[in-house]
C-alpha atoms as a PDB file:
ATOM      1  CA  MET A   1     104.561  83.767 101.780  1.00  0.00           C
ATOM      2  CA  PHE A   2     102.477  86.843 102.570  1.00  0.00           C
ATOM      3  CA  GLN A   3     104.616  89.604 101.117  1.00  0.00           C
ATOM      4  CA  GLY A   4     102.809  92.320  99.188  1.00  0.00           C
ATOM      5  CA  THR A   5      99.224  93.536  99.134  1.00  0.00           C
ATOM      6  CA  HIS A   6      96.194  91.534 100.211  1.00  0.00           C
ATOM      7  CA  THR A   7      92.747  93.053  99.899  1.00  0.00           C
ATOM      8  CA  ALA A   8      90.361  92.923 102.848  1.00  0.00           C
ATOM      9  CA  ILE A   9      87.483  92.592 100.444  1.00  0.00           C
ATOM     10  CA  VAL A  10      83.997  93.924 101.161  1.00  0.00           C
ATOM     11  CA  THR A  11      80.916  91.719 101.094  1.00  0.00           C
ATOM     12  CA  PRO A  12      78.347  93.209  98.705  1.00  0.00           C
ATOM     13  CA  PHE A  13      74.669  92.856  99.564  1.00  0.00           C
ATOM     14  CA  ARG A  14      71.540  93.485  97.516  1.00  0.00           C
ATOM     15  CA  ASP A  15      68.076  93.476  99.054  1.00  0.00           C
ATOM     16  CA  GLY A  16      69.643  92.198 102.264  1.00  0.00           C
ATOM     17  CA  ASN A  17      71.247  89.142 100.672  1.00  0.00           C
ATOM     18  CA  LEU A  18      74.746  88.289  99.495  1.00  0.00           C
ATOM     19  CA  ASP A  19      75.230  89.622  95.959  1.00  0.00           C
ATOM     20  CA  GLU A  20      77.299  86.791  94.510  1.00  0.00           C
ATOM     21  CA  SER A  21      77.598  88.314  91.036  1.00  0.00           C
ATOM     22  CA  ALA A  22      78.916  91.623  92.371  1.00  0.00           C
ATOM     23  CA  PHE A  23      81.294  89.772  94.680  1.00  0.00           C
ATOM     24  CA  GLN A  24      82.730  87.779  91.786  1.00  0.00           C
ATOM     25  CA  SER A  25      83.192  91.015  89.828  1.00  0.00           C
ATOM     26  CA  LEU A  26      85.094  92.530  92.746  1.00  0.00           C
ATOM     27  CA  ILE A  27      87.371  89.492  92.836  1.00  0.00           C
ATOM     28  CA  ASP A  28      87.959  89.825  89.077  1.00  0.00           C
ATOM     29  CA  TYR A  29      88.933  93.477  89.550  1.00  0.00           C
ATOM     30  CA  GLN A  30      91.476  92.481  92.173  1.00  0.00           C
ATOM     31  CA  LEU A  31      92.959  89.708  90.059  1.00  0.00           C
ATOM     32  CA  GLU A  32      93.182  91.932  86.978  1.00  0.00           C
ATOM     33  CA  ASN A  33      95.344  94.285  89.021  1.00  0.00           C
ATOM     34  CA  GLN A  34      97.692  91.539  90.237  1.00  0.00           C
ATOM     35  CA  ILE A  35      96.749  91.571  93.889  1.00  0.00           C
ATOM     36  CA  ASN A  36      98.735  89.110  95.987  1.00  0.00           C
ATOM     37  CA  GLY A  37      95.858  87.901  98.115  1.00  0.00           C
ATOM     38  CA  ILE A  38      92.184  88.313  98.929  1.00  0.00           C
ATOM     39  CA  VAL A  39      90.866  88.315 102.483  1.00  0.00           C
ATOM     40  CA  PRO A  40      87.130  87.512 102.632  1.00  0.00           C
ATOM     41  CA  VAL A  41      84.922  87.864 105.725  1.00  0.00           C
ATOM     42  CA  GLY A  42      87.222  89.986 107.792  1.00  0.00           C
ATOM     43  CA  THR A  43      85.947  93.107 109.514  1.00  0.00           C
ATOM     44  CA  THR A  44      85.785  94.840 106.127  1.00  0.00           C
ATOM     45  CA  GLY A  45      83.691  91.917 104.914  1.00  0.00           C
ATOM     46  CA  GLU A  46      81.177  92.483 107.744  1.00  0.00           C
ATOM     47  CA  SER A  47      81.907  89.151 109.376  1.00  0.00           C
ATOM     48  CA  PRO A  48      79.997  90.058 112.582  1.00  0.00           C
ATOM     49  CA  THR A  49      76.683  90.209 110.710  1.00  0.00           C
ATOM     50  CA  VAL A  50      76.861  87.321 108.248  1.00  0.00           C
ATOM     51  CA  SER A  51      75.458  83.937 109.211  1.00  0.00           C
ATOM     52  CA  HIS A  52      77.699  80.877 109.487  1.00  0.00           C
ATOM     53  CA  GLU A  53      76.204  79.608 106.239  1.00  0.00           C
ATOM     54  CA  GLU A  54      76.948  82.904 104.487  1.00  0.00           C
ATOM     55  CA  HIS A  55      80.433  82.956 105.999  1.00  0.00           C
ATOM     56  CA  ARG A  56      81.214  79.548 104.507  1.00  0.00           C
ATOM     57  CA  ARG A  57      79.662  80.502 101.166  1.00  0.00           C
ATOM     58  CA  ILE A  58      81.705  83.711 100.885  1.00  0.00           C
ATOM     59  CA  ILE A  59      84.913  81.747 101.417  1.00  0.00           C
ATOM     60  CA  GLU A  60      83.816  79.089  98.908  1.00  0.00           C
ATOM     61  CA  ILE A  61      83.097  81.730  96.251  1.00  0.00           C
ATOM     62  CA  THR A  62      86.464  83.385  96.859  1.00  0.00           C
ATOM     63  CA  VAL A  63      88.356  80.097  96.552  1.00  0.00           C
ATOM     64  CA  GLU A  64      86.429  78.980  93.462  1.00  0.00           C
ATOM     65  CA  HIS A  65      86.586  82.313  91.651  1.00  0.00           C
ATOM     66  CA  THR A  66      90.181  83.110  92.536  1.00  0.00           C
ATOM     67  CA  ALA A  67      91.200  79.682  91.246  1.00  0.00           C
ATOM     68  CA  LYS A  68      94.732  79.864  92.688  1.00  0.00           C
ATOM     69  CA  ARG A  69      95.503  83.156  90.922  1.00  0.00           C
ATOM     70  CA  ALA A  70      95.995  84.816  94.311  1.00  0.00           C
ATOM     71  CA  LEU A  71      96.109  83.664  97.903  1.00  0.00           C
ATOM     72  CA  VAL A  72      92.817  83.326  99.782  1.00  0.00           C
ATOM     73  CA  ILE A  73      93.187  84.296 103.438  1.00  0.00           C
ATOM     74  CA  ALA A  74      89.880  83.526 105.116  1.00  0.00           C
ATOM     75  CA  GLY A  75      88.750  85.564 108.089  1.00  0.00           C
ATOM     76  CA  THR A  76      87.916  82.956 110.749  1.00  0.00           C
ATOM     77  CA  GLY A  77      88.493  84.766 114.024  1.00  0.00           C
ATOM     78  CA  SER A  78      86.022  84.826 116.895  1.00  0.00           C
ATOM     79  CA  ASN A  79      85.824  85.580 120.610  1.00  0.00           C
ATOM     80  CA  SER A  80      84.853  81.920 121.008  1.00  0.00           C
ATOM     81  CA  THR A  81      87.723  79.479 120.577  1.00  0.00           C
ATOM     82  CA  ARG A  82      85.363  76.684 119.533  1.00  0.00           C
ATOM     83  CA  GLU A  83      83.792  78.869 116.865  1.00  0.00           C
ATOM     84  CA  ALA A  84      87.179  80.021 115.553  1.00  0.00           C
ATOM     85  CA  VAL A  85      88.334  76.402 115.353  1.00  0.00           C
ATOM     86  CA  ALA A  86      85.201  75.380 113.450  1.00  0.00           C
ATOM     87  CA  LEU A  87      85.411  78.323 111.038  1.00  0.00           C
ATOM     88  CA  SER A  88      89.106  77.668 110.402  1.00  0.00           C
ATOM     89  CA  GLN A  89      88.466  73.980 109.719  1.00  0.00           C
ATOM     90  CA  ASP A  90      85.649  74.946 107.343  1.00  0.00           C
ATOM     91  CA  ALA A  91      88.027  77.310 105.534  1.00  0.00           C
ATOM     92  CA  GLU A  92      90.596  74.552 105.177  1.00  0.00           C
ATOM     93  CA  LYS A  93      87.966  72.214 103.715  1.00  0.00           C
ATOM     94  CA  ALA A  94      86.906  74.949 101.279  1.00  0.00           C
ATOM     95  CA  GLY A  95      90.480  75.253  99.976  1.00  0.00           C
ATOM     96  CA  ALA A  96      91.616  78.522 101.559  1.00  0.00           C
ATOM     97  CA  ASP A  97      95.364  79.123 101.692  1.00  0.00           C
ATOM     98  CA  ALA A  98      95.432  80.642 105.186  1.00  0.00           C
ATOM     99  CA  CYS A  99      93.267  82.064 107.969  1.00  0.00           C
ATOM    100  CA  LEU A 100      93.193  85.517 109.544  1.00  0.00           C
ATOM    101  CA  LEU A 101      92.439  85.377 113.283  1.00  0.00           C
ATOM    102  CA  VAL A 102      91.398  88.567 115.003  1.00  0.00           C
ATOM    103  CA  ALA A 103      92.079  88.849 118.733  1.00  0.00           C
ATOM    104  CA  PRO A 104      89.047  87.785 120.791  1.00  0.00           C
ATOM    105  CA  TYR A 105      86.834  90.798 121.393  1.00  0.00           C
ATOM    106  CA  TYR A 106      84.496  91.784 124.233  1.00  0.00           C
ATOM    107  CA  ASN A 107      85.321  88.944 126.663  1.00  0.00           C
ATOM    108  CA  LYS A 108      88.833  90.466 127.114  1.00  0.00           C
ATOM    109  CA  PRO A 109      91.044  87.424 127.825  1.00  0.00           C
ATOM    110  CA  SER A 110      94.448  87.680 129.481  1.00  0.00           C
ATOM    111  CA  GLN A 111      97.638  87.114 127.517  1.00  0.00           C
ATOM    112  CA  VAL A 112      97.608  83.530 128.814  1.00  0.00           C
ATOM    113  CA  GLY A 113      94.070  83.164 127.479  1.00  0.00           C
ATOM    114  CA  LEU A 114      95.135  84.626 124.127  1.00  0.00           C
ATOM    115  CA  PHE A 115      98.022  82.169 123.889  1.00  0.00           C
ATOM    116  CA  GLU A 116      95.775  79.182 124.627  1.00  0.00           C
ATOM    117  CA  HIS A 117      93.126  80.471 122.187  1.00  0.00           C
ATOM    118  CA  PHE A 118      95.477  80.765 119.223  1.00  0.00           C
ATOM    119  CA  LYS A 119      97.377  77.603 120.127  1.00  0.00           C
ATOM    120  CA  ALA A 120      94.124  75.598 120.098  1.00  0.00           C
ATOM    121  CA  ILE A 121      93.268  76.905 116.633  1.00  0.00           C
ATOM    122  CA  ALA A 122      96.782  76.220 115.340  1.00  0.00           C
ATOM    123  CA  GLU A 123      96.553  72.629 116.543  1.00  0.00           C
ATOM    124  CA  ALA A 124      93.161  72.164 114.862  1.00  0.00           C
ATOM    125  CA  THR A 125      94.232  73.086 111.323  1.00  0.00           C
ATOM    126  CA  SER A 126      97.272  72.693 109.108  1.00  0.00           C
ATOM    127  CA  LEU A 127      96.688  76.054 107.416  1.00  0.00           C
ATOM    128  CA  PRO A 128      99.061  78.984 107.988  1.00  0.00           C
ATOM    129  CA  LEU A 129      97.488  81.372 110.490  1.00  0.00           C
ATOM    130  CA  ILE A 130      97.790  85.162 110.574  1.00  0.00           C
ATOM    131  CA  LEU A 131      97.267  86.742 113.973  1.00  0.00           C
ATOM    132  CA  TYR A 132      95.378  90.044 113.932  1.00  0.00           C
ATOM    133  CA  SER A 133      96.015  92.591 116.656  1.00  0.00           C
ATOM    134  CA  ILE A 134      93.655  95.582 116.543  1.00  0.00           C
ATOM    135  CA  PRO A 135      93.176  97.007 120.043  1.00  0.00           C
ATOM    136  CA  GLY A 136      90.987  99.839 118.760  1.00  0.00           C
ATOM    137  CA  ARG A 137      88.232  97.288 118.091  1.00  0.00           C
ATOM    138  CA  CYS A 138      89.106  94.464 120.471  1.00  0.00           C
ATOM    139  CA  VAL A 139      90.258  96.505 123.522  1.00  0.00           C
ATOM    140  CA  ILE A 140      93.217  94.126 123.974  1.00  0.00           C
ATOM    141  CA  GLU A 141      96.332  93.674 121.873  1.00  0.00           C
ATOM    142  CA  ILE A 142      98.238  90.484 121.210  1.00  0.00           C
ATOM    143  CA  GLY A 143     101.347  91.147 123.285  1.00  0.00           C
ATOM    144  CA  VAL A 144     104.824  91.043 121.787  1.00  0.00           C
ATOM    145  CA  GLU A 145     105.850  88.279 124.202  1.00  0.00           C
ATOM    146  CA  THR A 146     102.663  86.338 123.466  1.00  0.00           C
ATOM    147  CA  THR A 147     103.321  86.605 119.731  1.00  0.00           C
ATOM    148  CA  ALA A 148     106.877  85.367 120.217  1.00  0.00           C
ATOM    149  CA  ARG A 149     105.657  82.485 122.380  1.00  0.00           C
ATOM    150  CA  LEU A 150     103.128  81.484 119.715  1.00  0.00           C
ATOM    151  CA  ALA A 151     105.801  81.671 117.022  1.00  0.00           C
ATOM    152  CA  ASP A 152     107.992  79.377 119.116  1.00  0.00           C
ATOM    153  CA  THR A 153     105.182  76.910 119.874  1.00  0.00           C
ATOM    154  CA  CYS A 154     103.082  76.798 116.694  1.00  0.00           C
ATOM    155  CA  PRO A 155     104.846  76.137 113.357  1.00  0.00           C
ATOM    156  CA  ASN A 156     101.840  77.402 111.370  1.00  0.00           C
ATOM    157  CA  ILE A 157     101.795  80.825 113.067  1.00  0.00           C
ATOM    158  CA  ARG A 158     104.347  82.893 111.181  1.00  0.00           C
ATOM    159  CA  THR A 159     102.517  86.168 110.453  1.00  0.00           C
ATOM    160  CA  ILE A 160     100.729  88.967 112.278  1.00  0.00           C
ATOM    161  CA  LYS A 161      98.495  91.718 110.936  1.00  0.00           C
ATOM    162  CA  GLU A 162      99.388  94.736 113.050  1.00  0.00           C
ATOM    163  CA  ALA A 163      96.763  97.480 113.354  1.00  0.00           C
ATOM    164  CA  GLY A 164      97.851  99.253 116.500  1.00  0.00           C
ATOM    165  CA  GLY A 165      99.190 102.287 114.637  1.00  0.00           C
ATOM    166  CA  SER A 166     102.621 102.171 116.277  1.00  0.00           C
ATOM    167  CA  VAL A 167     105.910 101.892 114.422  1.00  0.00           C
ATOM    168  CA  GLU A 168     107.575 101.308 117.792  1.00  0.00           C
ATOM    169  CA  ARG A 169     105.503  98.154 118.261  1.00  0.00           C
ATOM    170  CA  VAL A 170     106.576  96.938 114.819  1.00  0.00           C
ATOM    171  CA  ASN A 171     110.184  97.499 115.869  1.00  0.00           C
ATOM    172  CA  ALA A 172     109.556  95.511 119.065  1.00  0.00           C
ATOM    173  CA  LEU A 173     107.968  92.665 117.103  1.00  0.00           C
ATOM    174  CA  VAL A 174     110.882  92.555 114.647  1.00  0.00           C
ATOM    175  CA  GLN A 175     113.302  92.274 117.549  1.00  0.00           C
ATOM    176  CA  ALA A 176     111.322  89.545 119.333  1.00  0.00           C
ATOM    177  CA  LEU A 177     110.306  87.322 116.419  1.00  0.00           C
ATOM    178  CA  PRO A 178     112.214  84.884 114.172  1.00  0.00           C
ATOM    179  CA  ASP A 179     113.549  86.180 110.859  1.00  0.00           C
ATOM    180  CA  ASP A 180     110.936  84.175 108.937  1.00  0.00           C
ATOM    181  CA  PHE A 181     108.021  85.743 110.827  1.00  0.00           C
ATOM    182  CA  GLN A 182     106.168  88.342 108.715  1.00  0.00           C
ATOM    183  CA  ILE A 183     104.446  91.515 109.860  1.00  0.00           C
ATOM    184  CA  LEU A 184     101.650  92.979 107.746  1.00  0.00           C
ATOM    185  CA  SER A 185     100.226  96.456 108.183  1.00  0.00           C
ATOM    186  CA  GLY A 186      96.525  96.611 108.989  1.00  0.00           C
ATOM    187  CA  ASP A 187      96.296 100.319 108.214  1.00  0.00           C
ATOM    188  CA  ASP A 188      96.845 101.709 104.709  1.00  0.00           C
ATOM    189  CA  SER A 189      98.350 104.972 105.918  1.00  0.00           C
ATOM    190  CA  MET A 190     100.926 103.054 108.005  1.00  0.00           C
ATOM    191  CA  THR A 191     102.026 100.664 105.266  1.00  0.00           C
ATOM    192  CA  LEU A 192     105.071 102.645 104.216  1.00  0.00           C
ATOM    193  CA  PRO A 193     106.478 103.281 107.726  1.00  0.00           C
ATOM    194  CA  PHE A 194     105.663  99.745 108.865  1.00  0.00           C
ATOM    195  CA  MET A 195     107.472  98.259 105.883  1.00  0.00           C
ATOM    196  CA  ALA A 196     110.407 100.617 106.451  1.00  0.00           C
ATOM    197  CA  ALA A 197     110.621  99.140 109.968  1.00  0.00           C
ATOM    198  CA  GLY A 198     110.634  95.562 108.652  1.00  0.00           C
ATOM    199  CA  GLY A 199     107.055  94.779 107.615  1.00  0.00           C
ATOM    200  CA  ALA A 200     106.335  92.549 104.629  1.00  0.00           C
ATOM    201  CA  GLY A 201     103.191  94.163 103.223  1.00  0.00           C
ATOM    202  CA  VAL A 202      99.621  95.116 103.994  1.00  0.00           C
ATOM    203  CA  ILE A 203      96.128  93.740 104.355  1.00  0.00           C
ATOM    204  CA  SER A 204      94.484  96.714 102.738  1.00  0.00           C
ATOM    205  CA  VAL A 205      91.072  98.348 102.711  1.00  0.00           C
ATOM    206  CA  ALA A 206      91.978 100.971 100.104  1.00  0.00           C
ATOM    207  CA  SER A 207      92.979  98.262  97.608  1.00  0.00           C
ATOM    208  CA  ASN A 208      89.276  97.522  97.162  1.00  0.00           C
ATOM    209  CA  ILE A 209      89.341 100.628  94.919  1.00  0.00           C
ATOM    210  CA  ILE A 210      93.053 101.107  94.111  1.00  0.00           C
ATOM    211  CA  PRO A 211      94.511  97.582  93.931  1.00  0.00           C
ATOM    212  CA  ALA A 212      97.177  98.335  91.317  1.00  0.00           C
ATOM    213  CA  GLU A 213      98.454 101.319  93.252  1.00  0.00           C
ATOM    214  CA  MET A 214      98.700  99.436  96.553  1.00  0.00           C
ATOM    215  CA  VAL A 215     100.478  96.567  94.807  1.00  0.00           C
ATOM    216  CA  ALA A 216     102.918  99.098  93.335  1.00  0.00           C
ATOM    217  CA  LEU A 217     103.527 100.664  96.763  1.00  0.00           C
ATOM    218  CA  THR A 218     104.362  97.409  98.522  1.00  0.00           C
ATOM    219  CA  ARG A 219     106.390  96.125  95.588  1.00  0.00           C
ATOM    220  CA  ALA A 220     108.450  99.317  95.574  1.00  0.00           C
ATOM    221  CA  MET A 221     109.108  98.988  99.302  1.00  0.00           C
ATOM    222  CA  LEU A 222     110.102  95.336  98.989  1.00  0.00           C
ATOM    223  CA  GLU A 223     112.467  96.222  96.160  1.00  0.00           C
ATOM    224  CA  ARG A 224     113.879  99.173  98.137  1.00  0.00           C
ATOM    225  CA  ARG A 225     112.651 101.811  95.702  1.00  0.00           C
ATOM    226  CA  LEU A 226     111.790 104.187  98.509  1.00  0.00           C
ATOM    227  CA  GLU A 227     111.219 107.350  96.489  1.00  0.00           C
ATOM    228  CA  GLU A 228     108.700 105.585  94.252  1.00  0.00           C
ATOM    229  CA  ALA A 229     106.850 104.197  97.285  1.00  0.00           C
ATOM    230  CA  GLN A 230     106.859 107.602  98.949  1.00  0.00           C
ATOM    231  CA  ALA A 231     105.335 109.183  95.852  1.00  0.00           C
ATOM    232  CA  ILE A 232     102.468 106.667  95.859  1.00  0.00           C
ATOM    233  CA  HIS A 233     101.976 107.139  99.603  1.00  0.00           C
ATOM    234  CA  ARG A 234     101.831 110.930  99.233  1.00  0.00           C
ATOM    235  CA  LYS A 235      99.392 110.750  96.337  1.00  0.00           C
ATOM    236  CA  PHE A 236      96.919 108.527  98.161  1.00  0.00           C
ATOM    237  CA  TYR A 237      97.413 109.599 101.779  1.00  0.00           C
ATOM    238  CA  ARG A 238      94.348 111.876 101.627  1.00  0.00           C
ATOM    239  CA  LEU A 239      92.278 108.885 100.483  1.00  0.00           C
ATOM    240  CA  PHE A 240      93.665 106.699 103.283  1.00  0.00           C
ATOM    241  CA  HIS A 241      92.906 109.396 105.835  1.00  0.00           C
ATOM    242  CA  THR A 242      89.404 110.081 104.482  1.00  0.00           C
ATOM    243  CA  LEU A 243      88.407 106.413 104.486  1.00  0.00           C
ATOM    244  CA  LEU A 244      89.543 106.186 108.093  1.00  0.00           C
ATOM    245  CA  LYS A 245      87.986 109.359 109.475  1.00  0.00           C
ATOM    246  CA  LEU A 246      84.559 109.537 107.837  1.00  0.00           C
ATOM    247  CA  ASP A 247      82.959 106.563 109.564  1.00  0.00           C
ATOM    248  CA  THR A 248      83.582 103.036 110.795  1.00  0.00           C
ATOM    249  CA  ASN A 249      85.107 100.643 108.265  1.00  0.00           C
ATOM    250  CA  PRO A 250      83.604  99.331 105.950  1.00  0.00           C
ATOM    251  CA  VAL A 251      81.073 102.164 105.645  1.00  0.00           C
ATOM    252  CA  PRO A 252      83.343 104.566 103.676  1.00  0.00           C
ATOM    253  CA  ILE A 253      84.920 101.948 101.402  1.00  0.00           C
ATOM    254  CA  LYS A 254      81.503 100.582 100.465  1.00  0.00           C
ATOM    255  CA  ALA A 255      80.337 104.130  99.741  1.00  0.00           C
ATOM    256  CA  ALA A 256      83.396 104.612  97.526  1.00  0.00           C
ATOM    257  CA  LEU A 257      82.700 101.398  95.629  1.00  0.00           C
ATOM    258  CA  GLY A 258      79.102 102.551  95.230  1.00  0.00           C
ATOM    259  CA  LEU A 259      80.215 105.908  93.812  1.00  0.00           C
ATOM    260  CA  MET A 260      82.446 104.018  91.377  1.00  0.00           C
ATOM    261  CA  GLY A 261      79.468 101.909  90.277  1.00  0.00           C
ATOM    262  CA  ARG A 262      80.993  98.615  91.401  1.00  0.00           C
ATOM    263  CA  ILE A 263      78.461  97.565  94.066  1.00  0.00           C
ATOM    264  CA  ASP A 264      75.268  98.504  95.828  1.00  0.00           C
ATOM    265  CA  PRO A 265      76.819 100.090  98.947  1.00  0.00           C
ATOM    266  CA  SER A 266      74.211  98.684 101.331  1.00  0.00           C
ATOM    267  CA  LEU A 267      75.326  97.473 104.759  1.00  0.00           C
ATOM    268  CA  ARG A 268      74.071  95.109 107.418  1.00  0.00           C
ATOM    269  CA  ARG A 269      72.727  96.724 110.579  1.00  0.00           C
ATOM    270  CA  PRO A 270      73.857  98.035 113.000  1.00  0.00           C
ATOM    271  CA  LEU A 271      76.072  99.799 110.430  1.00  0.00           C
ATOM    272  CA  ALA A 272      74.356 102.773 108.818  1.00  0.00           C
ATOM    273  CA  PRO A 273      75.030 104.408 105.435  1.00  0.00           C
ATOM    274  CA  LEU A 274      77.582 107.176 105.155  1.00  0.00           C
ATOM    275  CA  SER A 275      76.082 110.617 105.798  1.00  0.00           C
ATOM    276  CA  THR A 276      75.273 112.956 102.909  1.00  0.00           C
ATOM    277  CA  GLU A 277      78.117 115.209 104.000  1.00  0.00           C
ATOM    278  CA  GLY A 278      80.465 112.238 104.130  1.00  0.00           C
ATOM    279  CA  VAL A 279      79.491 111.104 100.637  1.00  0.00           C
ATOM    280  CA  THR A 280      80.128 114.614  99.324  1.00  0.00           C
ATOM    281  CA  GLU A 281      83.583 114.742 100.911  1.00  0.00           C
ATOM    282  CA  LEU A 282      84.465 111.245  99.735  1.00  0.00           C
ATOM    283  CA  ALA A 283      83.309 111.988  96.176  1.00  0.00           C
ATOM    284  CA  GLU A 284      85.551 115.058  96.083  1.00  0.00           C
ATOM    285  CA  VAL A 285      88.572 112.937  97.030  1.00  0.00           C
ATOM    286  CA  LEU A 286      87.708 110.291  94.435  1.00  0.00           C
ATOM    287  CA  ARG A 287      87.258 112.955  91.739  1.00  0.00           C
ATOM    288  CA  ASP A 288      90.612 114.538  92.569  1.00  0.00           C
ATOM    289  CA  LEU A 289      92.242 111.123  92.119  1.00  0.00           C
ATOM    290  CA  HIS A 290      90.326 110.536  88.864  1.00  0.00           C
ATOM    291  CA  LEU A 291      88.609 107.484  90.320  1.00  0.00           C
ATOM    292  CA  ILE A 292      85.187 108.859  89.411  1.00  0.00           C
ATOM    293  CA  ASP A 293      84.157 111.351  86.739  1.00  0.00           C
ATOM    294  CA  CYS A 294      81.536 113.417  88.518  1.00  0.00           C
END
């Protein structure tokens, strides 16, 4: 169900408020380039700093504007099980196709706690759920055994977004999970090696600005056209690396979209704008890829 490229879409703001017109234009850009899915209000969508009302509205806009032309995978994770349940139920009512559930952050539950957390959410909604393991932000990872236990217990948990940066972990997940369980890369630069190890695609940040190219990369990997996928990976690796190193996501990708004239690149505090030096470096990369003119 989740093969291919899904864009972790940014949330554009103007004068501190949600810029609905710009957001709809971003969705149009994704759909025009045949993206497989759109992921609103994930980390890239600044979910920690939007209100519950804004969170629901962003999902509603995505569902309405996408109009079944791509999957809508709503970010509904939280470090509170009750909140994650409520957000997931809201997403289901809004018409989302699935939910993305980040591992609980800050309160650092055990693997038993993680299992009970995700199981409670799975029992509260009929939507397919995508687990999201990103220890760099959450401190903990969703263990391989815990993932396998959830797959065995919860019929609507059949996917994980893996952002631990380890091909070995992908190999371990492939070995432990059922054949119908899908693994998605959570890191653009790891998409090719993750898919070579058995992954099904990517939830991408870079596809905010290069959707067609990321779709082509994952499609080539799925169709076993390795040389074509490698060529795309090599061409855009510098972009992947630059977006990752310059600042915390989504600061660089919003700056890139701003340089391309697609959005006002403003952020919600505590995130701060990309430094002048960072903007200069990013603009050079975008110019070299012919994504901006000057």
